[in-house]
N, C-alpha and C. Protein backbone atom coordinates (compact mmCIF):
# COMPACT_ATOMS: atom_id res chain seq x y z
N UNK A 1 -136.82 -142.91 -55.75
CA UNK A 1 -136.15 -143.44 -54.37
C UNK A 1 -135.70 -142.57 -53.24
N UNK A 2 -136.13 -142.80 -52.14
CA UNK A 2 -136.28 -141.56 -51.27
C UNK A 2 -134.47 -141.53 -51.10
N UNK A 3 -134.33 -140.24 -50.16
CA UNK A 3 -133.09 -140.09 -49.39
C UNK A 3 -132.77 -141.14 -48.43
N UNK A 4 -131.36 -142.16 -48.42
CA UNK A 4 -131.05 -142.97 -47.48
C UNK A 4 -131.21 -144.28 -47.96
N UNK A 5 -132.21 -144.37 -49.21
CA UNK A 5 -132.26 -145.72 -49.69
C UNK A 5 -131.26 -145.69 -50.70
N UNK A 6 -130.58 -146.86 -50.69
CA UNK A 6 -129.51 -147.33 -51.68
C UNK A 6 -130.05 -147.86 -52.84
N UNK A 7 -129.51 -147.26 -53.99
CA UNK A 7 -130.22 -148.11 -55.09
C UNK A 7 -129.21 -149.36 -55.63
N UNK A 8 -129.95 -150.48 -55.81
CA UNK A 8 -129.11 -151.67 -55.99
C UNK A 8 -128.26 -151.34 -57.29
N UNK A 9 -127.10 -151.88 -57.54
CA UNK A 9 -126.58 -151.93 -58.59
C UNK A 9 -125.95 -153.29 -59.40
N UNK A 10 -126.42 -153.74 -60.52
CA UNK A 10 -125.65 -154.86 -60.61
C UNK A 10 -124.35 -154.66 -61.02
N UNK A 11 -122.90 -155.46 -60.93
CA UNK A 11 -121.79 -154.98 -61.07
C UNK A 11 -121.50 -155.82 -62.07
N UNK A 12 -120.82 -155.21 -63.03
CA UNK A 12 -120.48 -156.04 -64.22
C UNK A 12 -118.72 -155.99 -64.24
N UNK A 13 -117.87 -155.38 -63.91
CA UNK A 13 -116.69 -155.46 -64.03
C UNK A 13 -116.24 -155.56 -62.89
N UNK A 14 -114.70 -155.91 -62.75
CA UNK A 14 -114.26 -157.08 -61.40
C UNK A 14 -113.68 -155.47 -60.80
N UNK A 15 -113.37 -154.51 -61.76
CA UNK A 15 -112.98 -153.27 -60.93
C UNK A 15 -113.75 -152.04 -61.17
N UNK A 16 -113.59 -151.13 -60.09
CA UNK A 16 -113.85 -149.80 -60.84
C UNK A 16 -112.79 -148.80 -60.35
N UNK A 17 -112.11 -147.59 -61.70
CA UNK A 17 -111.40 -146.79 -61.16
C UNK A 17 -112.40 -145.63 -61.03
N UNK A 18 -111.37 -144.66 -59.92
CA UNK A 18 -112.24 -143.57 -59.27
C UNK A 18 -111.77 -142.67 -59.98
N UNK A 19 -112.02 -141.63 -60.83
CA UNK A 19 -111.31 -140.16 -61.56
C UNK A 19 -111.20 -139.29 -60.56
N UNK A 20 -111.97 -139.52 -59.50
CA UNK A 20 -111.57 -138.12 -58.62
C UNK A 20 -110.10 -138.50 -57.48
N UNK A 21 -109.95 -139.81 -57.48
CA UNK A 21 -109.10 -139.94 -56.32
C UNK A 21 -107.75 -140.95 -57.35
N UNK A 22 -108.06 -141.28 -58.19
CA UNK A 22 -106.85 -141.95 -59.14
C UNK A 22 -106.97 -143.74 -58.32
N UNK A 23 -107.90 -144.03 -57.73
CA UNK A 23 -107.60 -145.46 -57.19
C UNK A 23 -108.45 -146.29 -57.60
N UNK A 24 -107.58 -147.47 -58.03
CA UNK A 24 -108.91 -148.42 -58.36
C UNK A 24 -109.30 -149.66 -57.24
N UNK A 25 -110.50 -149.79 -57.54
CA UNK A 25 -111.47 -150.50 -56.29
C UNK A 25 -112.09 -151.84 -56.82
N UNK A 26 -111.97 -152.83 -56.32
CA UNK A 26 -112.64 -154.06 -55.86
C UNK A 26 -114.09 -153.71 -56.09
N UNK A 27 -114.74 -154.41 -57.01
CA UNK A 27 -115.90 -154.28 -57.09
C UNK A 27 -116.80 -155.21 -56.20
N UNK A 28 -116.45 -156.50 -56.23
CA UNK A 28 -117.28 -157.21 -55.47
C UNK A 28 -116.42 -157.59 -54.15
N UNK A 29 -116.94 -157.68 -52.65
CA UNK A 29 -116.24 -158.18 -51.63
C UNK A 29 -116.72 -159.36 -51.33
N UNK A 30 -115.75 -159.92 -51.02
CA UNK A 30 -115.24 -161.65 -50.42
C UNK A 30 -115.97 -161.96 -49.14
N UNK A 31 -116.66 -160.67 -48.81
CA UNK A 31 -117.72 -160.90 -47.15
C UNK A 31 -116.79 -160.23 -46.22
N UNK A 32 -117.36 -160.79 -45.12
CA UNK A 32 -116.71 -160.53 -43.63
C UNK A 32 -115.63 -161.32 -43.38
N UNK A 33 -114.71 -160.79 -42.73
CA UNK A 33 -113.36 -161.65 -42.23
C UNK A 33 -112.83 -160.46 -41.00
N UNK A 34 -112.23 -161.12 -40.30
CA UNK A 34 -111.23 -160.33 -39.39
C UNK A 34 -110.40 -159.16 -39.78
N UNK A 35 -109.79 -158.19 -39.30
CA UNK A 35 -108.76 -157.71 -39.76
C UNK A 35 -107.36 -158.19 -40.44
N UNK A 36 -107.09 -159.29 -39.43
CA UNK A 36 -106.07 -159.94 -40.10
C UNK A 36 -105.85 -160.62 -41.30
N UNK A 37 -107.18 -161.61 -41.24
CA UNK A 37 -107.61 -162.37 -42.30
C UNK A 37 -107.31 -161.27 -43.62
N UNK A 38 -108.11 -160.18 -43.30
CA UNK A 38 -108.27 -159.22 -44.41
C UNK A 38 -107.19 -158.22 -45.12
N UNK A 39 -106.14 -158.36 -44.04
CA UNK A 39 -104.71 -158.02 -44.79
C UNK A 39 -104.14 -159.20 -45.63
N UNK A 40 -104.47 -160.15 -45.05
CA UNK A 40 -103.72 -161.54 -45.67
C UNK A 40 -104.59 -161.89 -47.34
N UNK A 41 -105.79 -161.37 -47.29
CA UNK A 41 -106.53 -161.54 -48.10
C UNK A 41 -106.18 -160.34 -49.57
N UNK A 42 -106.11 -159.54 -48.88
CA UNK A 42 -105.72 -158.59 -49.69
C UNK A 42 -104.12 -158.34 -50.34
N UNK A 43 -103.10 -159.12 -49.59
CA UNK A 43 -102.01 -159.37 -50.04
C UNK A 43 -101.94 -160.46 -50.74
N UNK A 44 -102.89 -161.40 -50.87
CA UNK A 44 -102.79 -162.75 -51.75
C UNK A 44 -104.17 -162.15 -53.32
N UNK A 45 -104.28 -161.17 -53.22
CA UNK A 45 -105.77 -160.83 -54.25
C UNK A 45 -104.77 -160.64 -55.74
N UNK A 46 -105.32 -161.31 -56.24
CA UNK A 46 -104.99 -161.15 -57.94
C UNK A 46 -106.84 -160.95 -58.84
N UNK A 47 -106.31 -159.67 -59.26
CA UNK A 47 -108.01 -159.35 -60.43
C UNK A 47 -107.28 -158.58 -61.60
N UNK A 48 -107.34 -159.40 -62.76
CA UNK A 48 -107.19 -159.06 -64.09
C UNK A 48 -105.99 -158.80 -64.29
N UNK A 49 -105.28 -159.51 -63.49
CA UNK A 49 -103.70 -159.71 -63.68
C UNK A 49 -102.91 -158.73 -62.80
N UNK A 50 -103.54 -158.09 -61.61
CA UNK A 50 -102.96 -157.26 -60.96
C UNK A 50 -102.76 -157.65 -59.78
N UNK A 51 -101.87 -157.68 -59.02
CA UNK A 51 -101.80 -158.01 -57.60
C UNK A 51 -101.04 -157.42 -56.70
N UNK A 52 -101.06 -156.15 -56.45
CA UNK A 52 -100.49 -155.07 -55.63
C UNK A 52 -101.65 -154.20 -54.86
N UNK A 53 -102.72 -155.20 -54.68
CA UNK A 53 -103.91 -154.54 -53.73
C UNK A 53 -103.98 -154.81 -52.38
N UNK A 54 -104.33 -153.80 -51.98
CA UNK A 54 -104.54 -153.81 -50.55
C UNK A 54 -105.68 -153.12 -49.58
N UNK A 55 -105.62 -152.87 -48.30
CA UNK A 55 -106.93 -152.66 -47.54
C UNK A 55 -106.69 -150.98 -47.84
N UNK A 56 -107.94 -150.70 -48.18
CA UNK A 56 -107.67 -149.31 -48.11
C UNK A 56 -107.55 -148.37 -46.64
N UNK A 57 -107.18 -147.37 -47.06
CA UNK A 57 -107.12 -146.59 -45.50
C UNK A 57 -108.45 -145.91 -45.02
N UNK A 58 -108.45 -145.38 -43.92
CA UNK A 58 -109.58 -144.87 -43.60
C UNK A 58 -110.17 -143.89 -44.26
N UNK A 59 -109.15 -142.91 -44.33
CA UNK A 59 -109.71 -141.60 -45.36
C UNK A 59 -109.87 -141.52 -47.07
N UNK A 60 -109.27 -142.99 -47.70
CA UNK A 60 -109.85 -143.51 -48.57
C UNK A 60 -111.31 -144.29 -48.80
N UNK A 61 -111.54 -144.73 -48.18
CA UNK A 61 -112.83 -145.07 -47.81
C UNK A 61 -113.59 -144.43 -47.98
N UNK A 62 -113.27 -143.21 -47.15
CA UNK A 62 -114.33 -141.94 -46.97
C UNK A 62 -114.63 -141.04 -47.95
N UNK A 63 -113.49 -141.17 -49.24
CA UNK A 63 -113.94 -140.59 -50.48
C UNK A 63 -115.00 -141.10 -51.08
N UNK A 64 -115.11 -142.24 -50.89
CA UNK A 64 -116.60 -143.14 -51.18
C UNK A 64 -117.74 -142.27 -51.16
N UNK A 65 -117.60 -141.47 -50.14
CA UNK A 65 -118.92 -140.85 -49.88
C UNK A 65 -119.35 -139.23 -50.22
N UNK A 66 -120.28 -138.82 -50.67
CA UNK A 66 -120.93 -137.91 -51.04
C UNK A 66 -121.52 -136.94 -49.96
N UNK A 67 -120.46 -136.02 -49.63
CA UNK A 67 -121.14 -135.31 -48.31
C UNK A 67 -121.74 -134.06 -48.85
N UNK A 68 -122.23 -133.89 -50.21
CA UNK A 68 -123.12 -132.92 -50.59
C UNK A 68 -124.80 -133.49 -50.36
N UNK A 69 -124.83 -135.04 -50.06
CA UNK A 69 -126.39 -135.43 -49.52
C UNK A 69 -126.04 -135.68 -48.12
N UNK A 70 -127.10 -135.56 -47.62
CA UNK A 70 -127.48 -136.40 -46.28
C UNK A 70 -128.48 -136.96 -46.34
N UNK A 71 -128.11 -138.32 -45.31
CA UNK A 71 -129.19 -139.34 -45.17
C UNK A 71 -130.42 -138.72 -44.81
N UNK A 72 -130.12 -137.90 -43.55
CA UNK A 72 -130.98 -137.47 -42.94
C UNK A 72 -130.74 -136.10 -42.42
N UNK A 73 -131.61 -135.16 -42.78
CA UNK A 73 -131.24 -133.58 -42.71
C UNK A 73 -130.95 -133.14 -41.61
N UNK A 74 -131.61 -133.92 -40.34
CA UNK A 74 -131.32 -133.47 -39.10
C UNK A 74 -129.78 -133.88 -38.77
N UNK A 75 -129.13 -134.77 -39.26
CA UNK A 75 -128.06 -135.09 -39.05
C UNK A 75 -126.99 -135.41 -39.97
N UNK A 76 -125.44 -135.05 -39.90
CA UNK A 76 -125.04 -135.20 -40.74
C UNK A 76 -124.31 -136.71 -41.25
N UNK A 77 -125.08 -136.92 -42.02
CA UNK A 77 -124.85 -138.47 -42.40
C UNK A 77 -124.67 -138.68 -44.31
N UNK A 78 -123.58 -138.44 -44.91
CA UNK A 78 -124.09 -138.37 -46.13
C UNK A 78 -123.77 -140.12 -46.61
N UNK A 79 -123.96 -140.38 -47.76
CA UNK A 79 -124.11 -141.95 -48.35
C UNK A 79 -123.47 -141.63 -49.73
N UNK A 80 -123.33 -142.87 -50.19
CA UNK A 80 -121.91 -143.36 -51.11
C UNK A 80 -122.26 -142.53 -52.20
N UNK A 81 -121.36 -141.88 -52.75
CA UNK A 81 -121.28 -141.30 -54.40
C UNK A 81 -122.47 -142.20 -55.33
N UNK A 82 -123.39 -141.55 -56.02
CA UNK A 82 -123.78 -142.24 -56.64
C UNK A 82 -123.14 -142.56 -57.84
N UNK A 83 -121.95 -142.15 -58.59
CA UNK A 83 -121.54 -143.05 -59.75
C UNK A 83 -120.83 -144.36 -59.14
N UNK A 84 -120.65 -144.70 -58.01
CA UNK A 84 -119.93 -146.01 -57.21
C UNK A 84 -120.94 -147.06 -57.84
N UNK A 85 -120.25 -147.88 -58.47
CA UNK A 85 -121.13 -149.11 -59.06
C UNK A 85 -121.28 -150.25 -57.90
N UNK A 86 -120.51 -150.33 -56.65
CA UNK A 86 -120.96 -150.86 -55.78
C UNK A 86 -121.14 -150.90 -54.54
N UNK A 87 -122.16 -149.60 -54.71
CA UNK A 87 -123.03 -148.65 -53.26
C UNK A 87 -123.85 -149.83 -52.64
N UNK A 88 -123.39 -149.67 -51.38
CA UNK A 88 -124.37 -150.58 -50.22
C UNK A 88 -124.22 -149.69 -48.90
N UNK A 89 -124.76 -150.28 -47.97
CA UNK A 89 -124.75 -149.76 -46.63
C UNK A 89 -124.24 -150.69 -45.53
N UNK A 90 -122.91 -151.34 -46.04
CA UNK A 90 -121.91 -152.44 -45.03
C UNK A 90 -120.95 -151.47 -44.46
N UNK A 91 -120.28 -152.41 -43.66
CA UNK A 91 -119.33 -151.66 -42.58
C UNK A 91 -117.68 -151.95 -43.13
N UNK A 92 -116.68 -151.39 -43.55
CA UNK A 92 -115.78 -152.06 -44.42
C UNK A 92 -114.51 -151.58 -43.26
N UNK A 93 -113.71 -152.89 -43.33
CA UNK A 93 -112.24 -152.25 -42.71
C UNK A 93 -111.52 -151.55 -43.64
N UNK A 94 -110.48 -150.92 -42.48
CA UNK A 94 -109.69 -149.69 -43.50
C UNK A 94 -108.25 -150.80 -42.81
N UNK A 95 -107.22 -150.11 -43.57
CA UNK A 95 -105.96 -150.67 -42.99
C UNK A 95 -105.31 -149.80 -42.12
N UNK A 96 -106.22 -148.73 -41.32
CA UNK A 96 -105.45 -147.78 -40.46
C UNK A 96 -106.15 -148.23 -38.90
N UNK A 97 -104.64 -148.47 -38.39
CA UNK A 97 -104.88 -148.82 -37.04
C UNK A 97 -105.23 -147.80 -36.30
N UNK A 98 -105.49 -148.01 -34.85
CA UNK A 98 -106.41 -146.54 -34.09
C UNK A 98 -105.06 -146.32 -33.23
N UNK A 99 -104.19 -145.26 -33.60
CA UNK A 99 -103.35 -144.96 -33.09
C UNK A 99 -102.36 -145.53 -32.32
N UNK A 100 -102.14 -145.79 -30.89
CA UNK A 100 -101.51 -146.35 -30.09
C UNK A 100 -101.72 -147.63 -29.97
N UNK A 101 -103.59 -147.54 -30.11
CA UNK A 101 -104.01 -149.13 -29.58
C UNK A 101 -103.59 -149.91 -30.77
N UNK A 102 -102.69 -150.86 -30.84
CA UNK A 102 -102.47 -151.69 -31.91
C UNK A 102 -103.65 -152.91 -32.10
N UNK A 103 -104.73 -153.01 -31.10
CA UNK A 103 -105.82 -154.17 -31.00
C UNK A 103 -106.73 -153.59 -31.72
N UNK A 104 -106.96 -152.34 -32.18
CA UNK A 104 -108.40 -151.51 -32.97
C UNK A 104 -107.52 -151.29 -34.41
N UNK A 105 -108.60 -151.12 -34.96
CA UNK A 105 -108.50 -150.25 -36.56
C UNK A 105 -109.86 -149.85 -36.84
N UNK A 106 -109.83 -148.96 -37.78
CA UNK A 106 -110.86 -148.22 -38.42
C UNK A 106 -111.40 -148.59 -39.09
N UNK A 107 -112.87 -148.45 -39.17
CA UNK A 107 -114.47 -149.13 -40.21
C UNK A 107 -114.80 -147.70 -40.70
N UNK A 108 -115.49 -148.08 -41.56
CA UNK A 108 -116.08 -146.82 -42.02
C UNK A 108 -117.52 -147.73 -42.59
N UNK A 109 -118.66 -147.47 -41.90
CA UNK A 109 -119.84 -148.06 -41.73
C UNK A 109 -120.98 -147.03 -42.63
N UNK A 110 -121.30 -147.44 -43.84
CA UNK A 110 -121.72 -146.79 -44.95
C UNK A 110 -123.26 -146.52 -44.79
N UNK A 111 -123.89 -147.19 -43.76
CA UNK A 111 -125.10 -146.79 -43.53
C UNK A 111 -125.36 -146.02 -42.47
N UNK A 112 -124.47 -144.90 -42.33
CA UNK A 112 -124.48 -143.57 -41.83
C UNK A 112 -123.25 -142.82 -41.82
N UNK A 113 -122.16 -143.44 -42.56
CA UNK A 113 -121.19 -142.55 -42.97
C UNK A 113 -120.25 -142.40 -41.17
N UNK A 114 -120.18 -143.48 -40.64
CA UNK A 114 -119.38 -143.37 -39.44
C UNK A 114 -118.36 -143.90 -39.58
N UNK A 115 -116.96 -143.21 -38.92
CA UNK A 115 -115.73 -144.07 -38.77
C UNK A 115 -115.56 -144.05 -37.39
N UNK A 116 -115.42 -145.43 -37.12
CA UNK A 116 -115.06 -146.00 -35.68
C UNK A 116 -113.94 -147.20 -35.89
N UNK A 117 -113.87 -146.90 -34.69
CA UNK A 117 -112.74 -148.13 -34.68
C UNK A 117 -113.42 -148.74 -33.49
N UNK A 118 -112.70 -150.36 -33.92
CA UNK A 118 -113.17 -151.79 -33.23
C UNK A 118 -111.77 -152.68 -33.10
N UNK A 119 -112.54 -153.63 -32.29
CA UNK A 119 -110.99 -154.56 -32.70
C UNK A 119 -111.27 -155.41 -33.46
N UNK A 120 -109.62 -155.63 -34.13
CA UNK A 120 -109.36 -156.51 -35.14
C UNK A 120 -109.71 -157.65 -35.16
N UNK A 121 -110.50 -158.24 -34.25
CA UNK A 121 -110.98 -159.27 -34.19
C UNK A 121 -112.10 -159.49 -34.83
N UNK A 122 -112.93 -158.87 -34.46
CA UNK A 122 -114.64 -158.19 -35.35
C UNK A 122 -114.33 -158.73 -36.51
N UNK A 123 -115.25 -158.73 -37.18
CA UNK A 123 -115.34 -159.30 -38.44
C UNK A 123 -116.40 -158.27 -39.39
N UNK A 124 -115.52 -157.65 -40.35
CA UNK A 124 -116.36 -156.61 -41.14
C UNK A 124 -116.22 -156.85 -42.39
N UNK A 125 -116.64 -156.36 -43.45
CA UNK A 125 -116.62 -156.68 -44.94
C UNK A 125 -115.06 -156.15 -45.40
N UNK A 126 -115.01 -156.41 -46.52
CA UNK A 126 -113.73 -155.99 -47.27
C UNK A 126 -114.20 -155.45 -48.54
N UNK A 127 -112.86 -154.53 -48.97
CA UNK A 127 -113.43 -153.81 -50.06
C UNK A 127 -111.57 -153.82 -50.38
N UNK A 128 -110.90 -154.33 -51.58
CA UNK A 128 -109.74 -153.64 -51.31
C UNK A 128 -109.44 -152.60 -52.81
N UNK A 129 -108.13 -152.07 -52.71
CA UNK A 129 -107.84 -151.15 -53.62
C UNK A 129 -106.50 -150.96 -53.97
N UNK A 130 -106.05 -150.40 -55.18
CA UNK A 130 -104.87 -150.13 -55.52
C UNK A 130 -104.59 -148.75 -56.33
N UNK A 131 -103.46 -148.23 -55.97
CA UNK A 131 -103.08 -147.06 -56.70
C UNK A 131 -102.59 -146.55 -55.92
């Protein structure tokens, strides 16, 4: 596997506990939706009898990156940590609103480790967290 390729994993469990952050992550994303729908989805989610799920903050999403491995040696582009069972190259909503601009929120794009803000009406993937 070359640098930058994401190894495909078969997710066996509904959740994954991250020992580095003590956060529990939803393994399967429900797909793409706007930020408001993502917030509603997280509040209504129940997995393994647990119902305190939420959208992760931008900082929490960034903890999934391995900043010791670069996707492209000429640019600083870390990839998702190898031990994470749900590795992919998709873009995910965070719960973090973009400062005083309440119409935007931060996303993390795992295809290049970009952290950018976009309109909350745009659709991106969702992965909930608890802890």
